[in-house]
Amino acid sequence: YRSLRTVVMSPYFNTGIRSRTLDHLAQDRRISGIEAWVSSVRGLIASVEDDPKTIWGTGLFEDHLAADLTALEELGEAFAWLGERRAERNWVDRALDLLRDGPFKMRGRVSEVVGDDWETVRFDQRGIFARAPAPRVARRGG
């Protein structure tokens, strides 16, 4: 729960998942793994369909739960490869793909200012661009 919540709350990641959903589900039980989170959100949605009062007073909304479910499913699909066996070079390539345009959109997010801290933005850009250089674009016409 804590690791997933940290990612969801970080200004560097754009998961589309609301922390309120995670917090609500984690109150009653320990949930571990994206598949278990997906299952828990599905269960909550089913409970709400049976009795809308299930989420009254919680700050949760049915349409938000549906969006969170979709985002969790997409996150699970994006990281399914972590369970596969592969050569070290393939791991490096996949990690670089995550830095470029993966599910967190890291390349674009490191250019956004967090508060008034422009130094952090420049530092983050140097780190990302040093590890995952931008693809070269072929020039036309020589």
Protein backbone atom coordinates (compact mmCIF):
# COMPACT_ATOMS: atom_id res chain seq x y z
CA TYR A 1 0.00 0.00 0.00
CA ARG A 2 2.64 2.53 1.01
CA SER A 3 4.76 2.03 -2.10
CA LEU A 4 1.81 2.33 -4.46
CA ARG A 5 0.46 5.36 -2.57
CA THR A 6 3.88 7.04 -2.76
CA VAL A 7 3.91 6.62 -6.54
CA VAL A 8 0.32 7.85 -6.85
CA MET A 9 1.02 10.95 -4.74
CA SER A 10 4.36 11.86 -6.35
CA PRO A 11 4.32 14.91 -8.60
CA TYR A 12 6.65 13.05 -10.96
CA PHE A 13 4.23 10.26 -11.84
CA ASN A 14 0.96 10.59 -13.67
CA THR A 15 -0.92 7.40 -12.83
CA GLY A 16 -4.47 8.75 -12.91
CA ILE A 17 -5.18 6.88 -9.66
CA ARG A 18 -6.70 8.74 -6.73
CA SER A 19 -5.10 8.17 -3.35
CA ARG A 20 -8.52 8.36 -1.68
CA THR A 21 -9.50 5.07 -3.32
CA LEU A 22 -6.34 3.37 -2.09
CA ASP A 23 -6.75 4.82 1.40
CA HIS A 24 -10.34 3.63 1.65
CA LEU A 25 -9.53 0.08 0.57
CA ALA A 26 -6.41 -0.15 2.75
CA GLN A 27 -8.38 0.73 5.89
CA ASP A 28 -9.97 -2.70 6.11
CA ARG A 29 -7.34 -5.07 4.74
CA ARG A 30 -3.80 -5.48 3.52
CA ILE A 31 -3.64 -5.43 -0.26
CA SER A 32 -0.47 -6.36 -2.10
CA GLY A 33 0.14 -6.35 -5.84
CA ILE A 34 -1.59 -4.59 -8.71
CA GLU A 35 -3.87 -7.57 -9.43
CA ALA A 36 -5.12 -7.53 -5.84
CA TRP A 37 -5.75 -3.77 -6.04
CA VAL A 38 -7.67 -4.22 -9.30
CA SER A 39 -9.74 -6.97 -7.68
CA SER A 40 -10.41 -4.81 -4.61
CA VAL A 41 -11.59 -1.85 -6.68
CA ARG A 42 -13.80 -4.17 -8.74
CA GLY A 43 -15.27 -5.50 -5.51
CA LEU A 44 -15.93 -2.01 -4.21
CA ILE A 45 -17.61 -1.03 -7.49
CA ALA A 46 -19.81 -4.15 -7.26
CA SER A 47 -20.74 -3.21 -3.68
CA VAL A 48 -21.66 0.30 -4.77
CA GLU A 49 -23.80 -1.06 -7.61
CA ASP A 50 -25.66 -3.21 -5.07
CA ASP A 51 -25.96 -0.42 -2.50
CA PRO A 52 -24.92 3.15 -3.41
CA LYS A 53 -24.84 4.02 0.30
CA THR A 54 -21.65 1.95 0.55
CA ILE A 55 -19.56 5.02 -0.28
CA TRP A 56 -21.70 7.76 1.23
CA GLY A 57 -19.61 10.01 3.42
CA THR A 58 -16.31 8.56 2.21
CA GLY A 59 -15.47 11.15 -0.43
CA LEU A 60 -15.53 8.42 -3.07
CA PHE A 61 -17.62 8.60 -6.23
CA GLU A 62 -18.63 5.80 -8.56
CA ASP A 63 -17.22 7.48 -11.67
CA HIS A 64 -13.90 8.06 -9.87
CA LEU A 65 -13.76 4.41 -8.86
CA ALA A 66 -14.29 3.38 -12.49
CA ALA A 67 -11.48 5.71 -13.62
CA ASP A 68 -9.20 4.38 -10.87
CA LEU A 69 -9.96 0.81 -11.95
CA THR A 70 -9.03 1.62 -15.54
CA ALA A 71 -5.81 3.33 -14.43
CA LEU A 72 -4.84 0.39 -12.20
CA GLU A 73 -5.51 -2.07 -15.04
CA GLU A 74 -3.34 0.00 -17.39
CA LEU A 75 -0.59 0.16 -14.79
CA GLY A 76 -0.76 -3.61 -14.39
CA GLU A 77 -0.48 -4.09 -18.15
CA ALA A 78 2.44 -1.65 -18.36
CA PHE A 79 4.40 -3.57 -15.72
CA ALA A 80 3.41 -7.14 -16.61
CA TRP A 81 6.84 -7.60 -18.15
CA LEU A 82 8.45 -7.40 -14.69
CA GLY A 83 7.43 -11.00 -14.05
CA GLU A 84 9.10 -12.30 -17.20
CA ARG A 85 12.60 -13.73 -17.51
CA ARG A 86 14.87 -11.72 -19.77
CA ALA A 87 18.49 -10.87 -20.43
CA GLU A 88 20.07 -7.99 -18.54
CA ARG A 89 20.26 -5.84 -21.68
CA ASN A 90 16.50 -6.27 -22.15
CA TRP A 91 15.93 -5.05 -18.58
CA VAL A 92 18.00 -1.97 -19.29
CA ASP A 93 16.10 -1.30 -22.52
CA ARG A 94 12.74 -1.63 -20.74
CA ALA A 95 13.86 0.68 -17.93
CA LEU A 96 14.96 3.27 -20.49
CA ASP A 97 11.58 2.95 -22.22
CA LEU A 98 9.93 3.74 -18.88
CA LEU A 99 12.04 6.87 -18.55
CA ARG A 100 11.21 8.00 -22.06
CA ASP A 101 7.50 7.54 -22.61
CA GLY A 102 6.34 4.84 -20.22
CA PRO A 103 3.13 4.91 -18.22
CA PHE A 104 4.43 7.69 -15.98
CA LYS A 105 5.32 10.07 -18.85
CA MET A 106 8.61 10.82 -17.08
CA ARG A 107 10.28 12.75 -19.89
CA GLY A 108 7.55 15.40 -19.92
CA ARG A 109 7.00 15.46 -16.17
CA VAL A 110 10.62 16.29 -15.32
CA SER A 111 10.14 19.56 -17.15
CA GLU A 112 7.29 20.65 -14.90
CA VAL A 113 8.12 22.86 -11.95
CA VAL A 114 7.27 21.47 -8.52
CA GLY A 115 6.31 24.51 -6.49
CA ASP A 116 8.98 27.18 -7.00
CA ASP A 117 11.94 24.80 -7.11
CA TRP A 118 13.47 25.36 -10.55
CA GLU A 119 16.75 23.77 -9.44
CA THR A 120 15.01 20.43 -8.94
CA VAL A 121 13.60 20.62 -12.46
CA ARG A 122 17.04 21.20 -13.98
CA PHE A 123 18.59 18.46 -11.85
CA ASP A 124 15.84 15.98 -12.78
CA GLN A 125 16.15 16.81 -16.47
CA ARG A 126 19.89 16.17 -16.39
CA GLY A 127 19.35 12.80 -14.77
CA ILE A 128 16.62 11.65 -17.15
CA PHE A 129 18.24 12.95 -20.30
CA ALA A 130 21.62 11.47 -19.35
CA ARG A 131 20.00 8.03 -18.92
CA ALA A 132 17.45 8.21 -21.72
CA PRO A 133 18.59 10.60 -24.44
CA ALA A 134 15.93 11.96 -26.74
CA PRO A 135 15.61 10.06 -30.01
CA ARG A 136 17.42 11.69 -32.88
CA VAL A 137 15.24 13.01 -35.65
CA ALA A 138 16.51 12.56 -39.17
CA ARG A 139 16.87 15.83 -41.04
CA ARG A 140 15.44 16.03 -44.53
CA GLY A 141 17.06 17.58 -47.51
CA GLY A 142 20.64 17.29 -46.29
